[in-house]
Amino acid sequence: MKKQIAEFAYAYLICQKLKIEHQNPSGFMQPLFVPKWKWDSISMNFVGVLPKTVKGFDLIWVIVDRLTKSTHFIPIKTCMSVARLAEIYIEQIVRLNGIPSSIVSDWDPRFTSKF
C-alpha cells in the first residue's frame, strides 16, 4: 500500500507542485512592530461567507487596533465594490479613530487591489 501511495503521489501533478523543493524559499519571518499609540496600526480581515441576514449581508469585516485590541465589526455584502468598501472604511473607522499609519491584512484581493 505504501508503494502504491508513493507512485500515485509521484505521478499526481498537484502533489509535485506542492513539494517543498519546487517552491521558492519564503525567507525569514519578521515580527511586527509594537504600535506607540492606539489606532495607529490596525489589522483587517474578512469573516465569511456566512448565511445572509435580512438586509443581505453575508460577510463581517473585522478591523482590530493592534495596540488595544479594540475592534470594529462591520457587516458587508460579498458583492460590494472596493470603492464602496473604502467609503465604509472612511465612515466607520477614519471618522472615529483617524487615519492609521500602517494596516496589516491578509492578501485578500480587495485589500491588494485599489483600496
PDB file of N, CA and C in Angstrom:
ATOM      1  N   MET A   1       0.830  -1.187   0.000  1.00  0.00           N
ATOM      2  CA  MET A   1       0.000   0.000   0.000  1.00  0.00           C
ATOM      3  C   MET A   1       0.883   1.261   0.000  1.00  0.00           C
ATOM      4  N   LYS A   2       1.978   1.243   0.764  1.00  0.00           N
ATOM      5  CA  LYS A   2       2.872   2.394   0.818  1.00  0.00           C
ATOM      6  C   LYS A   2       3.475   2.674  -0.562  1.00  0.00           C
ATOM      7  N   LYS A   3       3.809   1.625  -1.291  1.00  0.00           N
ATOM      8  CA  LYS A   3       4.382   1.772  -2.626  1.00  0.00           C
ATOM      9  C   LYS A   3       3.354   2.386  -3.584  1.00  0.00           C
ATOM     10  N   GLN A   4       2.092   1.954  -3.480  1.00  0.00           N
ATOM     11  CA  GLN A   4       1.047   2.488  -4.338  1.00  0.00           C
ATOM     12  C   GLN A   4       0.823   3.986  -4.064  1.00  0.00           C
ATOM     13  N   ILE A   5       0.842   4.359  -2.807  1.00  0.00           N
ATOM     14  CA  ILE A   5       0.661   5.771  -2.454  1.00  0.00           C
ATOM     15  C   ILE A   5       1.824   6.598  -2.991  1.00  0.00           C
ATOM     16  N   ALA A   6       3.055   6.099  -2.844  1.00  0.00           N
ATOM     17  CA  ALA A   6       4.229   6.811  -3.349  1.00  0.00           C
ATOM     18  C   ALA A   6       4.164   6.963  -4.863  1.00  0.00           C
ATOM     19  N   GLU A   7       3.739   5.937  -5.575  1.00  0.00           N
ATOM     20  CA  GLU A   7       3.625   6.012  -7.033  1.00  0.00           C
ATOM     21  C   GLU A   7       2.543   7.007  -7.446  1.00  0.00           C
ATOM     22  N   PHE A   8       1.415   6.997  -6.724  1.00  0.00           N
ATOM     23  CA  PHE A   8       0.330   7.930  -7.034  1.00  0.00           C
ATOM     24  C   PHE A   8       0.797   9.375  -6.811  1.00  0.00           C
ATOM     25  N   ALA A   9       1.434   9.641  -5.684  1.00  0.00           N
ATOM     26  CA  ALA A   9       1.894  10.994  -5.373  1.00  0.00           C
ATOM     27  C   ALA A   9       2.960  11.451  -6.363  1.00  0.00           C
ATOM     28  N   TYR A  10       3.793  10.526  -6.817  1.00  0.00           N
ATOM     29  CA  TYR A  10       4.837  10.872  -7.779  1.00  0.00           C
ATOM     30  C   TYR A  10       4.230  11.268  -9.131  1.00  0.00           C
ATOM     31  N   ALA A  11       3.139  10.626  -9.514  1.00  0.00           N
ATOM     32  CA  ALA A  11       2.519  10.880 -10.807  1.00  0.00           C
ATOM     33  C   ALA A  11       1.508  12.029 -10.774  1.00  0.00           C
ATOM     34  N   TYR A  12       1.043  12.396  -9.604  1.00  0.00           N
ATOM     35  CA  TYR A  12      -0.012  13.404  -9.484  1.00  0.00           C
ATOM     36  C   TYR A  12       0.615  14.793  -9.528  1.00  0.00           C
ATOM     37  N   LEU A  13       0.198  15.636 -10.472  1.00  0.00           N
ATOM     38  CA  LEU A  13       0.812  16.931 -10.735  1.00  0.00           C
ATOM     39  C   LEU A  13       0.709  17.876  -9.540  1.00  0.00           C
ATOM     40  N   ILE A  14      -0.447  17.929  -8.894  1.00  0.00           N
ATOM     41  CA  ILE A  14      -0.625  18.847  -7.767  1.00  0.00           C
ATOM     42  C   ILE A  14       0.313  18.480  -6.624  1.00  0.00           C
ATOM     43  N   CYS A  15       0.488  17.190  -6.361  1.00  0.00           N
ATOM     44  CA  CYS A  15       1.417  16.767  -5.313  1.00  0.00           C
ATOM     45  C   CYS A  15       2.838  17.209  -5.647  1.00  0.00           C
ATOM     46  N   GLN A  16       3.209  17.153  -6.923  1.00  0.00           N
ATOM     47  CA  GLN A  16       4.556  17.554  -7.328  1.00  0.00           C
ATOM     48  C   GLN A  16       4.760  19.066  -7.153  1.00  0.00           C
ATOM     49  N   LYS A  17       3.728  19.854  -7.446  1.00  0.00           N
ATOM     50  CA  LYS A  17       3.845  21.304  -7.301  1.00  0.00           C
ATOM     51  C   LYS A  17       3.942  21.725  -5.842  1.00  0.00           C
ATOM     52  N   LEU A  18       3.318  20.984  -4.942  1.00  0.00           N
ATOM     53  CA  LEU A  18       3.302  21.349  -3.543  1.00  0.00           C
ATOM     54  C   LEU A  18       4.541  20.900  -2.780  1.00  0.00           C
ATOM     55  N   LYS A  19       5.384  20.097  -3.389  1.00  0.00           N
ATOM     56  CA  LYS A  19       6.593  19.660  -2.703  1.00  0.00           C
ATOM     57  C   LYS A  19       7.485  20.852  -2.405  1.00  0.00           C
ATOM     58  N   ILE A  20       8.111  20.823  -1.256  1.00  0.00           N
ATOM     59  CA  ILE A  20       8.902  21.960  -0.794  1.00  0.00           C
ATOM     60  C   ILE A  20      10.060  22.290  -1.723  1.00  0.00           C
ATOM     61  N   GLU A  21      10.656  21.297  -2.379  1.00  0.00           N
ATOM     62  CA  GLU A  21      11.803  21.587  -3.233  1.00  0.00           C
ATOM     63  C   GLU A  21      11.414  22.314  -4.512  1.00  0.00           C
ATOM     64  N   HIS A  22      10.105  22.378  -4.832  1.00  0.00           N
ATOM     65  CA  HIS A  22       9.643  23.069  -6.032  1.00  0.00           C
ATOM     66  C   HIS A  22       9.170  24.487  -5.730  1.00  0.00           C
ATOM     67  N   GLN A  23       9.303  24.935  -4.494  1.00  0.00           N
ATOM     68  CA  GLN A  23       8.840  26.258  -4.110  1.00  0.00           C
ATOM     69  C   GLN A  23      10.021  27.155  -3.784  1.00  0.00           C
ATOM     70  N   ASN A  24       9.836  28.446  -3.996  1.00  0.00           N
ATOM     71  CA  ASN A  24      10.870  29.407  -3.643  1.00  0.00           C
ATOM     72  C   ASN A  24      10.980  29.498  -2.122  1.00  0.00           C
ATOM     73  N   PRO A  25      12.174  29.725  -1.591  1.00  0.00           N
ATOM     74  CA  PRO A  25      12.288  29.885  -0.148  1.00  0.00           C
ATOM     75  C   PRO A  25      11.521  31.121   0.309  1.00  0.00           C
ATOM     76  N   SER A  26      10.820  31.000   1.415  1.00  0.00           N
ATOM     77  CA  SER A  26       9.957  32.078   1.876  1.00  0.00           C
ATOM     78  C   SER A  26      10.707  33.160   2.628  1.00  0.00           C
ATOM     79  N   GLY A  27      11.907  32.902   3.079  1.00  0.00           N
ATOM     80  CA  GLY A  27      12.662  33.907   3.824  1.00  0.00           C
ATOM     81  C   GLY A  27      12.321  33.855   5.294  1.00  0.00           C
ATOM     82  N   PHE A  28      12.968  34.705   6.041  1.00  0.00           N
ATOM     83  CA  PHE A  28      12.761  34.729   7.486  1.00  0.00           C
ATOM     84  C   PHE A  28      11.532  35.552   7.823  1.00  0.00           C
ATOM     85  N   MET A  29      10.807  35.123   8.830  1.00  0.00           N
ATOM     86  CA  MET A  29       9.648  35.879   9.286  1.00  0.00           C
ATOM     87  C   MET A  29      10.133  37.074  10.097  1.00  0.00           C
ATOM     88  N   GLN A  30       9.489  38.200   9.898  1.00  0.00           N
ATOM     89  CA  GLN A  30       9.852  39.416  10.606  1.00  0.00           C
ATOM     90  C   GLN A  30       8.729  39.772  11.576  1.00  0.00           C
ATOM     91  N   PRO A  31       9.055  40.069  12.818  1.00  0.00           N
ATOM     92  CA  PRO A  31       7.999  40.451  13.765  1.00  0.00           C
ATOM     93  C   PRO A  31       7.433  41.826  13.421  1.00  0.00           C
ATOM     94  N   LEU A  32       6.169  42.021  13.725  1.00  0.00           N
ATOM     95  CA  LEU A  32       5.551  43.327  13.526  1.00  0.00           C
ATOM     96  C   LEU A  32       5.976  44.251  14.658  1.00  0.00           C
ATOM     97  N   PHE A  33       6.113  45.518  14.351  1.00  0.00           N
ATOM     98  CA  PHE A  33       6.488  46.481  15.378  1.00  0.00           C
ATOM     99  C   PHE A  33       5.324  46.683  16.349  1.00  0.00           C
ATOM    100  N   VAL A  34       5.633  47.129  17.551  1.00  0.00           N
ATOM    101  CA  VAL A  34       4.612  47.405  18.553  1.00  0.00           C
ATOM    102  C   VAL A  34       4.180  48.861  18.375  1.00  0.00           C
ATOM    103  N   PRO A  35       2.885  49.100  18.144  1.00  0.00           N
ATOM    104  CA  PRO A  35       2.423  50.478  17.953  1.00  0.00           C
ATOM    105  C   PRO A  35       2.614  51.304  19.227  1.00  0.00           C
ATOM    106  N   LYS A  36       2.811  52.609  19.042  1.00  0.00           N
ATOM    107  CA  LYS A  36       3.015  53.501  20.184  1.00  0.00           C
ATOM    108  C   LYS A  36       1.727  54.210  20.610  1.00  0.00           C
ATOM    109  N   TRP A  37       0.748  54.244  19.744  1.00  0.00           N
ATOM    110  CA  TRP A  37      -0.487  54.943  20.054  1.00  0.00           C
ATOM    111  C   TRP A  37      -1.666  54.135  19.531  1.00  0.00           C
ATOM    112  N   LYS A  38      -2.804  54.239  20.223  1.00  0.00           N
ATOM    113  CA  LYS A  38      -3.974  53.477  19.799  1.00  0.00           C
ATOM    114  C   LYS A  38      -4.465  53.937  18.432  1.00  0.00           C
ATOM    115  N   TRP A  39      -4.936  52.992  17.661  1.00  0.00           N
ATOM    116  CA  TRP A  39      -5.432  53.139  16.293  1.00  0.00           C
ATOM    117  C   TRP A  39      -4.377  53.716  15.356  1.00  0.00           C
ATOM    118  N   ASP A  40      -3.087  53.574  15.709  1.00  0.00           N
ATOM    119  CA  ASP A  40      -2.002  53.965  14.824  1.00  0.00           C
ATOM    120  C   ASP A  40      -1.658  52.837  13.856  1.00  0.00           C
ATOM    121  N   SER A  41      -1.912  51.610  14.276  1.00  0.00           N
ATOM    122  CA  SER A  41      -1.682  50.444  13.426  1.00  0.00           C
ATOM    123  C   SER A  41      -2.864  49.508  13.598  1.00  0.00           C
ATOM    124  N   ILE A  42      -3.466  49.115  12.485  1.00  0.00           N
ATOM    125  CA  ILE A  42      -4.651  48.260  12.549  1.00  0.00           C
ATOM    126  C   ILE A  42      -4.433  47.007  11.708  1.00  0.00           C
ATOM    127  N   SER A  43      -5.258  45.999  11.962  1.00  0.00           N
ATOM    128  CA  SER A  43      -5.291  44.816  11.108  1.00  0.00           C
ATOM    129  C   SER A  43      -6.723  44.626  10.623  1.00  0.00           C
ATOM    130  N   MET A  44      -6.860  44.117   9.402  1.00  0.00           N
ATOM    131  CA  MET A  44      -8.177  43.926   8.802  1.00  0.00           C
ATOM    132  C   MET A  44      -8.270  42.527   8.221  1.00  0.00           C
ATOM    133  N   ASN A  45      -9.470  41.977   8.298  1.00  0.00           N
ATOM    134  CA  ASN A  45      -9.728  40.664   7.719  1.00  0.00           C
ATOM    135  C   ASN A  45     -11.226  40.514   7.500  1.00  0.00           C
ATOM    136  N   PHE A  46     -11.591  39.566   6.644  1.00  0.00           N
ATOM    137  CA  PHE A  46     -12.991  39.250   6.404  1.00  0.00           C
ATOM    138  C   PHE A  46     -13.326  37.912   7.029  1.00  0.00           C
ATOM    139  N   VAL A  47     -14.511  37.819   7.644  1.00  0.00           N
ATOM    140  CA  VAL A  47     -15.011  36.564   8.184  1.00  0.00           C
ATOM    141  C   VAL A  47     -16.245  36.206   7.376  1.00  0.00           C
ATOM    142  N   GLY A  48     -16.252  35.062   6.770  1.00  0.00           N
ATOM    143  CA  GLY A  48     -17.405  34.656   5.983  1.00  0.00           C
ATOM    144  C   GLY A  48     -16.970  33.649   4.954  1.00  0.00           C
ATOM    145  N   VAL A  49     -17.795  33.272   4.119  1.00  0.00           N
ATOM    146  CA  VAL A  49     -19.144  33.692   3.776  1.00  0.00           C
ATOM    147  C   VAL A  49     -20.106  33.053   4.784  1.00  0.00           C
ATOM    148  N   LEU A  50     -20.988  33.887   5.337  1.00  0.00           N
ATOM    149  CA  LEU A  50     -21.946  33.481   6.358  1.00  0.00           C
ATOM    150  C   LEU A  50     -23.348  33.439   5.754  1.00  0.00           C
ATOM    151  N   PRO A  51     -24.312  32.855   6.462  1.00  0.00           N
ATOM    152  CA  PRO A  51     -25.699  32.910   5.975  1.00  0.00           C
ATOM    153  C   PRO A  51     -26.170  34.364   5.882  1.00  0.00           C
ATOM    154  N   LYS A  52     -26.949  34.670   4.857  1.00  0.00           N
ATOM    155  CA  LYS A  52     -27.388  36.047   4.640  1.00  0.00           C
ATOM    156  C   LYS A  52     -28.341  36.504   5.729  1.00  0.00           C
ATOM    157  N   THR A  53     -28.193  37.790   6.101  1.00  0.00           N
ATOM    158  CA  THR A  53     -29.111  38.398   7.053  1.00  0.00           C
ATOM    159  C   THR A  53     -30.326  38.911   6.297  1.00  0.00           C
ATOM    160  N   VAL A  54     -31.243  39.532   7.014  1.00  0.00           N
ATOM    161  CA  VAL A  54     -32.446  40.090   6.395  1.00  0.00           C
ATOM    162  C   VAL A  54     -32.070  41.182   5.392  1.00  0.00           C
ATOM    163  N   LYS A  55     -31.023  41.958   5.692  1.00  0.00           N
ATOM    164  CA  LYS A  55     -30.588  43.032   4.802  1.00  0.00           C
ATOM    165  C   LYS A  55     -29.627  42.548   3.713  1.00  0.00           C
ATOM    166  N   GLY A  56     -29.310  41.267   3.678  1.00  0.00           N
ATOM    167  CA  GLY A  56     -28.484  40.717   2.619  1.00  0.00           C
ATOM    168  C   GLY A  56     -27.001  40.662   2.912  1.00  0.00           C
ATOM    169  N   PHE A  57     -26.572  41.003   4.139  1.00  0.00           N
ATOM    170  CA  PHE A  57     -25.156  40.939   4.494  1.00  0.00           C
ATOM    171  C   PHE A  57     -24.742  39.492   4.687  1.00  0.00           C
ATOM    172  N   ASP A  58     -23.542  39.141   4.175  1.00  0.00           N
ATOM    173  CA  ASP A  58     -23.068  37.765   4.327  1.00  0.00           C
ATOM    174  C   ASP A  58     -21.586  37.676   4.701  1.00  0.00           C
ATOM    175  N   LEU A  59     -20.961  38.815   4.975  1.00  0.00           N
ATOM    176  CA  LEU A  59     -19.570  38.869   5.428  1.00  0.00           C
ATOM    177  C   LEU A  59     -19.470  39.801   6.623  1.00  0.00           C
ATOM    178  N   ILE A  60     -18.468  39.590   7.444  1.00  0.00           N
ATOM    179  CA  ILE A  60     -18.162  40.519   8.525  1.00  0.00           C
ATOM    180  C   ILE A  60     -16.741  41.016   8.293  1.00  0.00           C
ATOM    181  N   TRP A  61     -16.593  42.321   8.221  1.00  0.00           N
ATOM    182  CA  TRP A  61     -15.283  42.946   8.069  1.00  0.00           C
ATOM    183  C   TRP A  61     -14.788  43.273   9.468  1.00  0.00           C
ATOM    184  N   VAL A  62     -13.718  42.648   9.881  1.00  0.00           N
ATOM    185  CA  VAL A  62     -13.185  42.825  11.229  1.00  0.00           C
ATOM    186  C   VAL A  62     -11.963  43.731  11.141  1.00  0.00           C
ATOM    187  N   ILE A  63     -12.005  44.842  11.869  1.00  0.00           N
ATOM    188  CA  ILE A  63     -10.892  45.787  11.910  1.00  0.00           C
ATOM    189  C   ILE A  63     -10.462  45.904  13.369  1.00  0.00           C
ATOM    190  N   VAL A  64      -9.181  45.600  13.634  1.00  0.00           N
ATOM    191  CA  VAL A  64      -8.675  45.499  15.008  1.00  0.00           C
ATOM    192  C   VAL A  64      -7.532  46.483  15.209  1.00  0.00           C
ATOM    193  N   ASP A  65      -7.594  47.233  16.316  1.00  0.00           N
ATOM    194  CA  ASP A  65      -6.465  48.058  16.716  1.00  0.00           C
ATOM    195  C   ASP A  65      -5.407  47.126  17.302  1.00  0.00           C
ATOM    196  N   ARG A  66      -4.188  47.180  16.784  1.00  0.00           N
ATOM    197  CA  ARG A  66      -3.164  46.236  17.199  1.00  0.00           C
ATOM    198  C   ARG A  66      -2.647  46.501  18.612  1.00  0.00           C
ATOM    199  N   LEU A  67      -2.776  47.728  19.135  1.00  0.00           N
ATOM    200  CA  LEU A  67      -2.279  48.034  20.475  1.00  0.00           C
ATOM    201  C   LEU A  67      -3.281  47.639  21.552  1.00  0.00           C
ATOM    202  N   THR A  68      -4.510  48.116  21.442  1.00  0.00           N
ATOM    203  CA  THR A  68      -5.507  47.887  22.485  1.00  0.00           C
ATOM    204  C   THR A  68      -6.394  46.678  22.220  1.00  0.00           C
ATOM    205  N   LYS A  69      -6.334  46.129  21.013  1.00  0.00           N
ATOM    206  CA  LYS A  69      -7.164  45.002  20.582  1.00  0.00           C
ATOM    207  C   LYS A  69      -8.657  45.345  20.557  1.00  0.00           C
ATOM    208  N   SER A  70      -8.984  46.631  20.509  1.00  0.00           N
ATOM    209  CA  SER A  70     -10.385  47.002  20.337  1.00  0.00           C
ATOM    210  C   SER A  70     -10.752  46.799  18.870  1.00  0.00           C
ATOM    211  N   THR A  71     -12.008  46.461  18.617  1.00  0.00           N
ATOM    212  CA  THR A  71     -12.401  46.038  17.279  1.00  0.00           C
ATOM    213  C   THR A  71     -13.647  46.752  16.775  1.00  0.00           C
ATOM    214  N   HIS A  72     -13.770  46.750  15.477  1.00  0.00           N
ATOM    215  CA  HIS A  72     -14.997  47.154  14.794  1.00  0.00           C
ATOM    216  C   HIS A  72     -15.423  45.958  13.945  1.00  0.00           C
ATOM    217  N   PHE A  73     -16.691  45.594  14.041  1.00  0.00           N
ATOM    218  CA  PHE A  73     -17.263  44.529  13.225  1.00  0.00           C
ATOM    219  C   PHE A  73     -18.280  45.171  12.298  1.00  0.00           C
ATOM    220  N   ILE A  74     -17.998  45.143  11.001  1.00  0.00           N
ATOM    221  CA  ILE A  74     -18.837  45.824  10.029  1.00  0.00           C
ATOM    222  C   ILE A  74     -19.459  44.779   9.105  1.00  0.00           C
ATOM    223  N   PRO A  75     -20.797  44.686   9.083  1.00  0.00           N
ATOM    224  CA  PRO A  75     -21.430  43.741   8.143  1.00  0.00           C
ATOM    225  C   PRO A  75     -21.361  44.291   6.727  1.00  0.00           C
ATOM    226  N   ILE A  76     -20.961  43.441   5.790  1.00  0.00           N
ATOM    227  CA  ILE A  76     -20.891  43.843   4.380  1.00  0.00           C
ATOM    228  C   ILE A  76     -21.425  42.715   3.511  1.00  0.00           C
ATOM    229  N   LYS A  77     -21.574  43.027   2.231  1.00  0.00           N
ATOM    230  CA  LYS A  77     -22.008  42.034   1.249  1.00  0.00           C
ATOM    231  C   LYS A  77     -20.812  41.585   0.430  1.00  0.00           C
ATOM    232  N   THR A  78     -20.830  40.345  -0.018  1.00  0.00           N
ATOM    233  CA  THR A  78     -19.728  39.803  -0.812  1.00  0.00           C
ATOM    234  C   THR A  78     -19.525  40.589  -2.097  1.00  0.00           C
ATOM    235  N   CYS A  79     -20.598  41.076  -2.683  1.00  0.00           N
ATOM    236  CA  CYS A  79     -20.524  41.725  -3.997  1.00  0.00           C
ATOM    237  C   CYS A  79     -20.175  43.209  -3.926  1.00  0.00           C
ATOM    238  N   MET A  80     -19.869  43.753  -2.742  1.00  0.00           N
ATOM    239  CA  MET A  80     -19.553  45.180  -2.634  1.00  0.00           C
ATOM    240  C   MET A  80     -18.255  45.499  -3.361  1.00  0.00           C
ATOM    241  N   SER A  81     -18.238  46.654  -4.019  1.00  0.00           N
ATOM    242  CA  SER A  81     -17.044  47.080  -4.755  1.00  0.00           C
ATOM    243  C   SER A  81     -15.991  47.612  -3.793  1.00  0.00           C
ATOM    244  N   VAL A  82     -14.775  47.728  -4.284  1.00  0.00           N
ATOM    245  CA  VAL A  82     -13.687  48.268  -3.475  1.00  0.00           C
ATOM    246  C   VAL A  82     -13.950  49.732  -3.140  1.00  0.00           C
ATOM    247  N   ALA A  83     -14.546  50.466  -4.065  1.00  0.00           N
ATOM    248  CA  ALA A  83     -14.866  51.869  -3.805  1.00  0.00           C
ATOM    249  C   ALA A  83     -15.860  51.990  -2.652  1.00  0.00           C
ATOM    250  N   ARG A  84     -16.849  51.118  -2.619  1.00  0.00           N
ATOM    251  CA  ARG A  84     -17.837  51.142  -1.525  1.00  0.00           C
ATOM    252  C   ARG A  84     -17.185  50.744  -0.201  1.00  0.00           C
ATOM    253  N   LEU A  85     -16.263  49.767  -0.237  1.00  0.00           N
ATOM    254  CA  LEU A  85     -15.548  49.389   0.989  1.00  0.00           C
ATOM    255  C   LEU A  85     -14.717  50.561   1.513  1.00  0.00           C
ATOM    256  N   ALA A  86     -14.100  51.331   0.626  1.00  0.00           N
ATOM    257  CA  ALA A  86     -13.325  52.499   1.043  1.00  0.00           C
ATOM    258  C   ALA A  86     -14.230  53.551   1.681  1.00  0.00           C
ATOM    259  N   GLU A  87     -15.427  53.742   1.120  1.00  0.00           N
ATOM    260  CA  GLU A  87     -16.385  54.678   1.714  1.00  0.00           C
ATOM    261  C   GLU A  87     -16.795  54.230   3.105  1.00  0.00           C
ATOM    262  N   ILE A  88     -17.100  52.950   3.262  1.00  0.00           N
ATOM    263  CA  ILE A  88     -17.478  52.410   4.572  1.00  0.00           C
ATOM    264  C   ILE A  88     -16.330  52.574   5.560  1.00  0.00           C
ATOM    265  N   TYR A  89     -15.098  52.330   5.095  1.00  0.00           N
ATOM    266  CA  TYR A  89     -13.931  52.477   5.953  1.00  0.00           C
ATOM    267  C   TYR A  89     -13.805  53.909   6.468  1.00  0.00           C
ATOM    268  N   ILE A  90     -14.003  54.881   5.584  1.00  0.00           N
ATOM    269  CA  ILE A  90     -13.916  56.285   5.994  1.00  0.00           C
ATOM    270  C   ILE A  90     -15.048  56.636   6.945  1.00  0.00           C
ATOM    271  N   GLU A  91     -16.270  56.158   6.658  1.00  0.00           N
ATOM    272  CA  GLU A  91     -17.426  56.452   7.511  1.00  0.00           C
ATOM    273  C   GLU A  91     -17.300  55.825   8.893  1.00  0.00           C
ATOM    274  N   GLN A  92     -16.817  54.595   8.961  1.00  0.00           N
ATOM    275  CA  GLN A  92     -16.837  53.850  10.211  1.00  0.00           C
ATOM    276  C   GLN A  92     -15.536  53.945  11.016  1.00  0.00           C
ATOM    277  N   ILE A  93     -14.391  53.985  10.357  1.00  0.00           N
ATOM    278  CA  ILE A  93     -13.109  53.907  11.056  1.00  0.00           C
ATOM    279  C   ILE A  93     -12.411  55.262  11.121  1.00  0.00           C
ATOM    280  N   VAL A  94     -12.201  55.891   9.978  1.00  0.00           N
ATOM    281  CA  VAL A  94     -11.481  57.170   9.960  1.00  0.00           C
ATOM    282  C   VAL A  94     -12.259  58.232  10.725  1.00  0.00           C
ATOM    283  N   ARG A  95     -13.561  58.239  10.610  1.00  0.00           N
ATOM    284  CA  ARG A  95     -14.388  59.225  11.315  1.00  0.00           C
ATOM    285  C   ARG A  95     -14.201  59.130  12.824  1.00  0.00           C
ATOM    286  N   LEU A  96     -14.094  57.910  13.352  1.00  0.00           N
ATOM    287  CA  LEU A  96     -13.985  57.716  14.793  1.00  0.00           C
ATOM    288  C   LEU A  96     -12.553  57.706  15.314  1.00  0.00           C
ATOM    289  N   ASN A  97     -11.618  57.169  14.523  1.00  0.00           N
ATOM    290  CA  ASN A  97     -10.281  56.907  15.051  1.00  0.00           C
ATOM    291  C   ASN A  97      -9.153  57.592  14.301  1.00  0.00           C
ATOM    292  N   GLY A  98      -9.410  58.230  13.197  1.00  0.00           N
ATOM    293  CA  GLY A  98      -8.357  58.858  12.410  1.00  0.00           C
ATOM    294  C   GLY A  98      -7.732  57.881  11.425  1.00  0.00           C
ATOM    295  N   ILE A  99      -6.713  58.349  10.716  1.00  0.00           N
ATOM    296  CA  ILE A  99      -6.050  57.543   9.702  1.00  0.00           C
ATOM    297  C   ILE A  99      -4.861  56.822  10.333  1.00  0.00           C
ATOM    298  N   PRO A 100      -4.803  55.499  10.217  1.00  0.00           N
ATOM    299  CA  PRO A 100      -3.668  54.772  10.803  1.00  0.00           C
ATOM    300  C   PRO A 100      -2.408  54.939   9.955  1.00  0.00           C
ATOM    301  N   SER A 101      -1.256  54.765  10.597  1.00  0.00           N
ATOM    302  CA  SER A 101      -0.001  54.855   9.843  1.00  0.00           C
ATOM    303  C   SER A 101       0.341  53.536   9.164  1.00  0.00           C
ATOM    304  N   SER A 102      -0.215  52.420   9.653  1.00  0.00           N
ATOM    305  CA  SER A 102       0.027  51.136   8.987  1.00  0.00           C
ATOM    306  C   SER A 102      -1.204  50.243   9.097  1.00  0.00           C
ATOM    307  N   ILE A 103      -1.396  49.444   8.058  1.00  0.00           N
ATOM    308  CA  ILE A 103      -2.509  48.484   8.008  1.00  0.00           C
ATOM    309  C   ILE A 103      -1.914  47.121   7.711  1.00  0.00           C
ATOM    310  N   VAL A 104      -2.242  46.149   8.550  1.00  0.00           N
ATOM    311  CA  VAL A 104      -1.809  44.767   8.352  1.00  0.00           C
ATOM    312  C   VAL A 104      -3.040  43.981   7.931  1.00  0.00           C
ATOM    313  N   SER A 105      -2.913  43.229   6.840  1.00  0.00           N
ATOM    314  CA  SER A 105      -4.042  42.427   6.380  1.00  0.00           C
ATOM    315  C   SER A 105      -3.528  41.173   5.710  1.00  0.00           C
ATOM    316  N   ASP A 106      -4.454  40.251   5.452  1.00  0.00           N
ATOM    317  CA  ASP A 106      -4.089  39.100   4.645  1.00  0.00           C
ATOM    318  C   ASP A 106      -4.033  39.564   3.183  1.00  0.00           C
ATOM    319  N   TRP A 107      -3.775  38.673   2.292  1.00  0.00           N
ATOM    320  CA  TRP A 107      -3.614  39.044   0.889  1.00  0.00           C
ATOM    321  C   TRP A 107      -4.926  38.940   0.127  1.00  0.00           C
ATOM    322  N   ASP A 108      -6.010  39.362   0.737  1.00  0.00           N
ATOM    323  CA  ASP A 108      -7.296  39.346   0.068  1.00  0.00           C
ATOM    324  C   ASP A 108      -7.249  40.298  -1.128  1.00  0.00           C
ATOM    325  N   PRO A 109      -7.780  39.903  -2.279  1.00  0.00           N
ATOM    326  CA  PRO A 109      -7.725  40.761  -3.470  1.00  0.00           C
ATOM    327  C   PRO A 109      -8.372  42.131  -3.260  1.00  0.00           C
ATOM    328  N   ARG A 110      -9.332  42.222  -2.347  1.00  0.00           N
ATOM    329  CA  ARG A 110      -9.953  43.522  -2.105  1.00  0.00           C
ATOM    330  C   ARG A 110      -8.978  44.501  -1.462  1.00  0.00           C
ATOM    331  N   PHE A 111      -8.064  43.992  -0.633  1.00  0.00           N
ATOM    332  CA  PHE A 111      -7.093  44.856   0.014  1.00  0.00           C
ATOM    333  C   PHE A 111      -5.914  45.172  -0.898  1.00  0.00           C
ATOM    334  N   THR A 112      -5.530  44.239  -1.741  1.00  0.00           N
ATOM    335  CA  THR A 112      -4.335  44.432  -2.558  1.00  0.00           C
ATOM    336  C   THR A 112      -4.647  45.103  -3.892  1.00  0.00           C
ATOM    337  N   SER A 113      -5.913  45.348  -4.204  1.00  0.00           N
ATOM    338  CA  SER A 113      -6.235  45.949  -5.499  1.00  0.00           C
ATOM    339  C   SER A 113      -6.089  47.472  -5.433  1.00  0.00           C
ATOM    340  N   LYS A 114      -7.172  48.179  -5.213  1.00  0.00           N
ATOM    341  CA  LYS A 114      -7.118  49.645  -5.243  1.00  0.00           C
ATOM    342  C   LYS A 114      -7.590  50.260  -3.938  1.00  0.00           C
ATOM    343  N   PHE A 115      -7.596  49.509  -2.848  1.00  0.00           N
ATOM    344  CA  PHE A 115      -8.065  50.036  -1.573  1.00  0.00           C
ATOM    345  C   PHE A 115      -7.069  51.057  -1.078  1.00  0.00           C
TER     346      PHE A 115
END
